[in-house]
Protein backbone atom coordinates (compact mmCIF):
# COMPACT_ATOMS: atom_id res chain seq x y z
CA UNK A 1 -104.89 -37.62 -0.21
CA UNK A 2 -103.17 -36.24 -3.21
CA UNK A 3 -101.43 -33.47 -1.29
CA UNK A 4 -100.40 -35.63 1.47
CA UNK A 5 -98.87 -38.22 -0.97
CA UNK A 6 -97.17 -35.32 -2.58
CA UNK A 7 -95.42 -34.65 0.45
CA UNK A 8 -94.50 -38.35 1.82
CA UNK A 9 -92.75 -37.74 -1.57
CA UNK A 10 -91.41 -34.84 -0.95
CA UNK A 11 -90.02 -35.64 2.46
CA UNK A 12 -88.50 -38.97 1.31
CA UNK A 13 -87.00 -37.41 -1.83
CA UNK A 14 -85.38 -35.15 0.83
CA UNK A 15 -84.33 -37.74 2.74
CA UNK A 16 -82.75 -40.19 -0.19
CA UNK A 17 -80.69 -36.34 -0.92
CA UNK A 18 -79.50 -35.62 3.01
CA UNK A 19 -78.11 -39.56 3.05
CA UNK A 20 -76.79 -39.50 0.17
CA UNK A 21 -72.97 -39.66 0.18
CA UNK A 22 -71.37 -37.67 -3.01
CA UNK A 23 -67.85 -39.22 -2.57
CA UNK A 24 -69.20 -43.02 -3.73
CA UNK A 25 -71.11 -41.11 -7.11
CA UNK A 26 -70.12 -44.25 -10.07
CA UNK A 27 -66.96 -43.10 -11.39
CA UNK A 28 -67.89 -42.93 -14.84
CA UNK A 29 -70.85 -40.35 -13.93
CA UNK A 30 -68.26 -37.64 -12.01
CA UNK A 31 -65.50 -38.27 -13.77
CA UNK A 32 -68.49 -37.07 -17.03
CA UNK A 33 -69.38 -34.46 -14.09
CA UNK A 34 -65.82 -33.18 -13.58
CA UNK A 35 -64.55 -32.44 -17.29
CA UNK A 36 -67.66 -30.59 -17.34
CA UNK A 37 -66.91 -28.15 -15.33
CA UNK A 38 -65.75 -24.76 -15.85
CA UNK A 39 -61.82 -23.91 -15.31
CA UNK A 40 -61.87 -23.21 -11.80
CA UNK A 41 -64.49 -26.13 -10.19
CA UNK A 42 -62.37 -28.13 -12.06
CA UNK A 43 -59.20 -27.72 -10.47
CA UNK A 44 -61.24 -26.93 -7.14
CA UNK A 45 -63.08 -30.65 -7.47
CA UNK A 46 -60.33 -32.52 -6.77
CA UNK A 47 -59.97 -31.02 -3.39
CA UNK A 48 -63.69 -31.92 -2.58
CA UNK A 49 -62.99 -35.68 -0.90
CA UNK A 50 -59.83 -38.43 -1.25
CA UNK A 51 -62.55 -40.18 -4.27
CA UNK A 52 -62.78 -37.06 -5.80
CA UNK A 53 -59.41 -36.41 -6.30
CA UNK A 54 -58.74 -40.15 -7.65
CA UNK A 55 -61.60 -39.60 -10.46
CA UNK A 56 -59.74 -36.15 -11.46
CA UNK A 57 -56.60 -37.87 -11.85
CA UNK A 58 -57.65 -39.72 -14.64
CA UNK A 59 -60.09 -36.97 -16.58
CA UNK A 60 -58.89 -35.60 -19.65
CA UNK A 61 -56.29 -32.70 -18.60
CA UNK A 62 -56.53 -29.27 -19.52
CA UNK A 63 -53.23 -27.98 -20.77
CA UNK A 64 -51.86 -24.58 -18.07
CA UNK A 65 -52.00 -21.53 -20.01
CA UNK A 66 -52.59 -17.35 -18.80
CA UNK A 67 -55.68 -15.47 -16.80
CA UNK A 68 -55.62 -11.91 -17.01
CA UNK A 69 -56.67 -9.67 -13.72
CA UNK A 70 -58.57 -6.42 -14.81
CA UNK A 71 -59.10 -3.72 -13.38
CA UNK A 72 -61.89 -0.51 -13.79
CA UNK A 73 -62.15 2.95 -13.23
CA UNK A 74 -64.11 2.37 -10.44
CA UNK A 75 -61.27 0.04 -8.69
CA UNK A 76 -63.48 -2.97 -9.41
CA UNK A 77 -61.94 -6.37 -11.02
CA UNK A 78 -62.30 -9.56 -12.67
CA UNK A 79 -60.83 -12.32 -13.94
CA UNK A 80 -60.97 -13.43 -17.70
CA UNK A 81 -59.70 -17.04 -18.72
CA UNK A 82 -59.72 -15.83 -22.38
CA UNK A 83 -59.76 -19.82 -23.48
CA UNK A 84 -63.64 -19.89 -22.02
CA UNK A 85 -64.12 -15.99 -23.64
CA UNK A 86 -65.51 -16.27 -19.56
CA UNK A 87 -64.78 -13.66 -16.46
CA UNK A 88 -65.21 -14.20 -13.63
CA UNK A 89 -65.90 -11.95 -10.71
CA UNK A 90 -62.89 -11.80 -7.86
CA UNK A 91 -65.43 -11.08 -4.64
CA UNK A 92 -67.18 -14.78 -5.66
CA UNK A 93 -63.54 -16.34 -6.43
CA UNK A 94 -63.10 -15.47 -2.23
CA UNK A 95 -60.86 -12.51 -3.16
CA UNK A 96 -61.69 -9.59 -0.66
CA UNK A 97 -63.19 -6.78 -1.79
CA UNK A 98 -61.14 -3.30 -2.71
CA UNK A 99 -57.77 -5.08 -2.53
CA UNK A 100 -55.15 -5.39 -5.80
CA UNK A 101 -52.94 -7.68 -6.94
CA UNK A 102 -49.30 -7.33 -6.72
CA UNK A 103 -47.97 -10.93 -8.07
CA UNK A 104 -48.29 -14.28 -8.40
CA UNK A 105 -46.36 -17.88 -7.57
CA UNK A 106 -48.12 -20.87 -8.72
CA UNK A 107 -51.41 -20.44 -7.91
CA UNK A 108 -51.36 -17.87 -5.48
CA UNK A 109 -51.54 -14.30 -5.21
CA UNK A 110 -50.67 -11.73 -4.07
CA UNK A 111 -52.47 -8.96 -2.44
CA UNK A 112 -52.91 -5.45 -0.80
CA UNK A 113 -55.59 -3.71 1.00
CA UNK A 114 -55.96 -0.05 0.13
CA UNK A 115 -54.78 0.62 4.27
CA UNK A 116 -51.46 -1.82 2.55
CA UNK A 117 -52.39 -4.97 4.24
CA UNK A 118 -51.20 -7.74 2.61
CA UNK A 119 -52.60 -11.21 2.05
CA UNK A 120 -51.88 -14.21 0.11
CA UNK A 121 -54.81 -16.22 -1.60
CA UNK A 122 -54.93 -19.36 -2.86
CA UNK A 123 -57.64 -19.11 -6.40
CA UNK A 124 -57.93 -22.85 -5.84
CA UNK A 125 -57.95 -23.86 -2.69
CA UNK A 126 -59.35 -20.28 -1.27
CA UNK A 127 -56.58 -20.04 1.65
CA UNK A 128 -55.57 -16.78 2.56
CA UNK A 129 -52.64 -16.12 4.50
CA UNK A 130 -52.20 -12.43 6.69
CA UNK A 131 -49.23 -10.84 6.05
CA UNK A 132 -48.97 -8.79 9.45
CA UNK A 133 -49.85 -5.07 9.21
CA UNK A 134 -46.95 -2.75 7.81
CA UNK A 135 -49.05 -0.04 11.22
CA UNK A 136 -46.87 -1.79 13.69
CA UNK A 137 -44.18 -4.15 12.28
CA UNK A 138 -41.39 -2.75 10.70
CA UNK A 139 -37.71 -3.35 11.62
CA UNK A 140 -34.95 -2.76 10.92
CA UNK A 141 -34.98 0.60 8.64
CA UNK A 142 -36.17 3.26 10.89
CA UNK A 143 -39.30 4.05 8.41
CA UNK A 144 -43.30 3.95 9.58
CA UNK A 145 -46.07 3.62 7.40
CA UNK A 146 -49.32 5.80 8.31
CA UNK A 147 -52.32 5.47 7.00
CA UNK A 148 -55.20 7.35 5.57
CA UNK A 149 -58.94 7.26 7.10
CA UNK A 150 -60.02 8.82 3.38
CA UNK A 151 -58.13 6.21 1.25
CA UNK A 152 -60.10 7.51 -1.54
CA UNK A 153 -58.28 8.66 -5.25
CA UNK A 154 -55.80 5.20 -4.60
CA UNK A 155 -53.94 7.58 -1.24
CA UNK A 156 -53.25 4.80 1.04
CA UNK A 157 -50.47 7.17 3.44
CA UNK A 158 -47.37 7.65 3.92
CA UNK A 159 -43.72 6.33 4.60
CA UNK A 160 -41.84 8.78 7.08
CA UNK A 161 -38.79 7.99 8.26
CA UNK A 162 -36.22 10.98 9.49
CA UNK A 163 -35.83 12.73 6.22
CA UNK A 164 -38.65 12.79 3.96
CA UNK A 165 -42.60 11.93 4.10
CA UNK A 166 -43.30 10.05 0.63
CA UNK A 167 -47.20 8.97 -0.32
CA UNK A 168 -48.32 5.56 -0.96
CA UNK A 169 -50.72 5.32 -3.80
CA UNK A 170 -51.65 2.89 -6.14
CA UNK A 171 -47.56 2.99 -8.00
CA UNK A 172 -47.62 0.39 -5.58
CA UNK A 173 -48.96 -2.55 -7.77
CA UNK A 174 -48.46 -5.06 -9.73
CA UNK A 175 -45.91 -3.75 -12.88
CA UNK A 176 -45.41 -0.17 -11.39
CA UNK A 177 -43.88 -2.01 -8.63
CA UNK A 178 -41.17 -4.65 -8.23
CA UNK A 179 -42.89 -7.44 -6.04
CA UNK A 180 -41.15 -10.95 -5.56
CA UNK A 181 -43.44 -13.68 -4.27
CA UNK A 182 -42.03 -16.84 -3.50
CA UNK A 183 -44.30 -20.78 -2.08
CA UNK A 184 -43.40 -24.21 -1.33
CA UNK A 185 -46.96 -25.53 -1.26
CA UNK A 186 -45.33 -29.51 0.10
CA UNK A 187 -42.81 -27.76 2.68
CA UNK A 188 -45.52 -24.65 3.62
CA UNK A 189 -42.43 -21.91 3.57
CA UNK A 190 -43.47 -18.39 1.72
CA UNK A 191 -41.16 -14.81 1.17
CA UNK A 192 -42.07 -11.61 0.27
CA UNK A 193 -40.21 -8.99 -0.94
CA UNK A 194 -41.56 -5.62 -2.46
CA UNK A 195 -39.72 -2.34 -3.99
CA UNK A 196 -41.74 1.06 -4.01
CA UNK A 197 -40.24 3.46 -5.95
CA UNK A 198 -37.14 2.53 -6.04
CA UNK A 199 -36.68 4.14 -2.12
CA UNK A 200 -38.52 1.51 0.13
CA UNK A 201 -37.53 -2.77 0.21
CA UNK A 202 -39.31 -4.60 2.48
CA UNK A 203 -38.96 -8.52 3.11
CA UNK A 204 -41.19 -10.93 4.50
CA UNK A 205 -41.03 -14.63 5.61
CA UNK A 206 -43.02 -17.46 6.97
CA UNK A 207 -42.33 -17.41 10.80
CA UNK A 208 -41.74 -13.78 11.40
CA UNK A 209 -44.33 -11.37 12.55
CA UNK A 210 -42.93 -8.40 11.43
CA UNK A 211 -42.21 -6.90 7.61
CA UNK A 212 -38.13 -6.29 7.83
CA UNK A 213 -36.89 -3.00 6.08
CA UNK A 214 -33.51 -2.28 4.32
CA UNK A 215 -32.96 0.85 3.93
CA UNK A 216 -30.40 1.07 7.17
CA UNK A 217 -27.98 -1.36 5.06
CA UNK A 218 -27.06 0.56 2.05
CA UNK A 219 -27.14 4.26 0.63
CA UNK A 220 -28.59 3.55 -2.78
CA UNK A 221 -31.86 2.90 -4.75
CA UNK A 222 -33.11 -0.17 -5.54
CA UNK A 223 -34.34 -0.60 -10.26
CA UNK A 224 -36.37 -4.43 -9.27
CA UNK A 225 -35.65 -8.12 -7.42
CA UNK A 226 -35.92 -11.50 -7.76
CA UNK A 227 -36.18 -14.66 -5.75
CA UNK A 228 -34.06 -17.77 -6.26
CA UNK A 229 -33.01 -20.64 -4.05
CA UNK A 230 -33.46 -18.98 -0.48
CA UNK A 231 -31.66 -15.90 -1.68
CA UNK A 232 -32.67 -12.59 -3.12
CA UNK A 233 -30.90 -10.83 -5.46
CA UNK A 234 -31.55 -6.89 -5.94
CA UNK A 235 -30.66 -4.32 -8.69
CA UNK A 236 -29.57 -1.17 -7.75
CA UNK A 237 -28.88 1.88 -8.94
CA UNK A 238 -25.44 1.94 -10.20
CA UNK A 239 -26.42 -1.97 -11.94
CA UNK A 240 -24.60 -3.24 -10.00
CA UNK A 241 -26.56 -6.51 -7.98
CA UNK A 242 -26.91 -7.65 -4.21
CA UNK A 243 -27.21 -10.79 -2.91
CA UNK A 244 -29.01 -11.42 0.38
CA UNK A 245 -29.52 -15.18 2.02
CA UNK A 246 -32.49 -16.56 3.33
CA UNK A 247 -31.52 -19.89 4.42
CA UNK A 248 -30.62 -19.48 8.22
CA UNK A 249 -31.90 -18.02 10.95
CA UNK A 250 -31.57 -14.58 9.88
CA UNK A 251 -30.63 -13.19 6.76
CA UNK A 252 -26.71 -12.24 5.59
CA UNK A 253 -25.77 -9.85 2.53
CA UNK A 254 -23.07 -12.19 0.75
CA UNK A 255 -20.42 -10.43 -0.09
CA UNK A 256 -16.93 -13.08 -1.12
CA UNK A 257 -19.71 -15.37 -2.73
CA UNK A 258 -20.82 -12.32 -4.73
CA UNK A 259 -19.50 -13.08 -8.55
CA UNK A 260 -21.57 -9.95 -9.81
CA UNK A 261 -20.42 -7.16 -6.52
CA UNK A 262 -17.41 -6.16 -9.04
CA UNK A 263 -19.07 -6.48 -12.37
CA UNK A 264 -21.58 -3.86 -12.79
CA UNK A 265 -24.56 -4.52 -15.78
CA UNK A 266 -23.50 -0.78 -17.36
CA UNK A 267 -25.19 -0.03 -21.00
CA UNK A 268 -23.92 3.13 -22.92
CA UNK A 269 -26.77 4.34 -24.49
CA UNK A 270 -26.67 6.31 -27.85
CA UNK A 271 -27.91 9.09 -28.64
CA UNK A 272 -31.65 9.34 -28.81
CA UNK A 273 -32.14 6.43 -26.77
CA UNK A 274 -33.03 6.10 -22.96
CA UNK A 275 -34.07 3.37 -20.65
CA UNK A 276 -37.18 3.05 -19.69
CA UNK A 277 -37.18 0.14 -17.83
CA UNK A 278 -35.02 -2.31 -15.99
CA UNK A 279 -35.75 -6.09 -14.57
CA UNK A 280 -33.51 -8.81 -13.81
CA UNK A 281 -34.44 -12.79 -13.65
CA UNK A 282 -32.71 -15.42 -12.12
CA UNK A 283 -31.73 -18.54 -15.39
CA UNK A 284 -31.70 -21.93 -13.86
CA UNK A 285 -28.27 -22.00 -13.78
CA UNK A 286 -27.99 -19.00 -11.06
CA UNK A 287 -26.82 -16.70 -13.22
CA UNK A 288 -28.98 -13.32 -14.19
CA UNK A 289 -30.35 -12.08 -16.59
CA UNK A 290 -30.56 -8.32 -16.46
CA UNK A 291 -33.17 -7.16 -19.36
CA UNK A 292 -33.39 -2.94 -20.41
CA UNK A 293 -36.16 -1.89 -22.13
CA UNK A 294 -34.55 0.74 -24.13
CA UNK A 295 -36.89 4.08 -26.18
CA UNK A 296 -35.98 4.96 -29.60
CA UNK A 297 -38.73 5.49 -32.25
CA UNK A 298 -40.49 2.92 -30.92
CA UNK A 299 -39.58 0.14 -28.43
CA UNK A 300 -36.59 -2.32 -27.91
CA UNK A 301 -35.62 -5.44 -25.77
CA UNK A 302 -31.69 -5.23 -24.74
CA UNK A 303 -30.84 -7.77 -22.45
CA UNK A 304 -27.59 -7.77 -20.95
CA UNK A 305 -26.61 -11.76 -19.66
CA UNK A 306 -22.94 -12.22 -18.02
CA UNK A 307 -21.69 -15.07 -17.98
CA UNK A 308 -17.88 -15.61 -16.28
CA UNK A 309 -17.29 -12.37 -15.51
CA UNK A 310 -18.19 -10.69 -19.12
CA UNK A 311 -21.20 -9.02 -20.24
CA UNK A 312 -23.20 -10.27 -23.55
CA UNK A 313 -25.26 -8.18 -25.49
CA UNK A 314 -28.50 -9.68 -26.79
CA UNK A 315 -31.01 -7.35 -28.94
CA UNK A 316 -34.55 -8.42 -29.29
CA UNK A 317 -37.06 -5.54 -31.41
CA UNK A 318 -39.99 -5.35 -30.64
CA UNK A 319 -43.51 -3.29 -29.92
CA UNK A 320 -45.48 -5.03 -26.31
CA UNK A 321 -46.89 -3.44 -23.18
CA UNK A 322 -47.53 -5.47 -20.01
CA UNK A 323 -50.27 -7.26 -18.66
CA UNK A 324 -50.91 -8.82 -15.44
CA UNK A 325 -51.00 -12.79 -16.06
CA UNK A 326 -52.86 -15.35 -13.83
CA UNK A 327 -52.11 -18.62 -14.22
CA UNK A 328 -53.53 -22.01 -13.13
CA UNK A 329 -49.80 -23.35 -11.63
CA UNK A 330 -47.42 -20.41 -13.20
CA UNK A 331 -48.13 -16.36 -13.22
CA UNK A 332 -46.31 -13.90 -14.48
CA UNK A 333 -46.29 -10.47 -16.03
CA UNK A 334 -45.45 -10.71 -20.03
CA UNK A 335 -45.23 -8.67 -22.56
CA UNK A 336 -47.55 -8.65 -25.61
CA UNK A 337 -45.81 -9.30 -29.02
CA UNK A 338 -47.23 -7.70 -31.88
């Protein structure tokens, strides 16, 4: 009899559990549950249903702060939450194995596989957007990508054109490359641009089934890029800024409306000084910032600002190292000041 009663109790308990509507939990109880979750689950809780979202809005808000992506010698990776002092395995968060971080925008990460297969991943919703393959979907410049069958030691393949064959390796990643990722979550639009070894420029936007290569357009190298308000800003080897407008059906270069066209960002280095890295950023006003990392007895930043066709110079002395940061809402590559 005891065994039969135990089976009946277990069966009734299972029936109650299966039939329970978790969206109808007491709001006070649900609020305590949500507030006890870790950062990832806390933000994912609002996606369960509309009732959970309404309760989530009443929870104590958690301030946004950067996360770090950490890569190990065996090419495995993890996400580190510095506030909770907790590591998350990237594959448990939904990221594919053997993929690498390139850029971020809000909650979205631009990732790439070892065969140059790109995808965009939402860290909170686990939504994944696969981008076209570079093996067969490059238009514009006469360049093709030849992947390696064996991608060990970080060797992914080669870019091949009429004049050269350049090996593609893990130099494509994160702070070793210039990448722009922009996403409009409300409209569902997105844009990706990246430069490899200052020579190859590729762009892709939602609606296209290919990558566009711009090497046939200009006989110059590219040092960095930035994207804002449907415009791609390119910092060239000649210290000039080119602007491509992507607001129409087909992109076109802005020439007459480019205020930087005939006003390059020249900087005369002093003896014993050399430019280590160059970066650009776009201010809210639309002005271009050129940031030079100069080496001379340590590290020094010099920032050039173009205003009314004049170049102003501001020096900042600091030591730093690059850290890849992922912030839930805002993400960037940040210098660590010591």
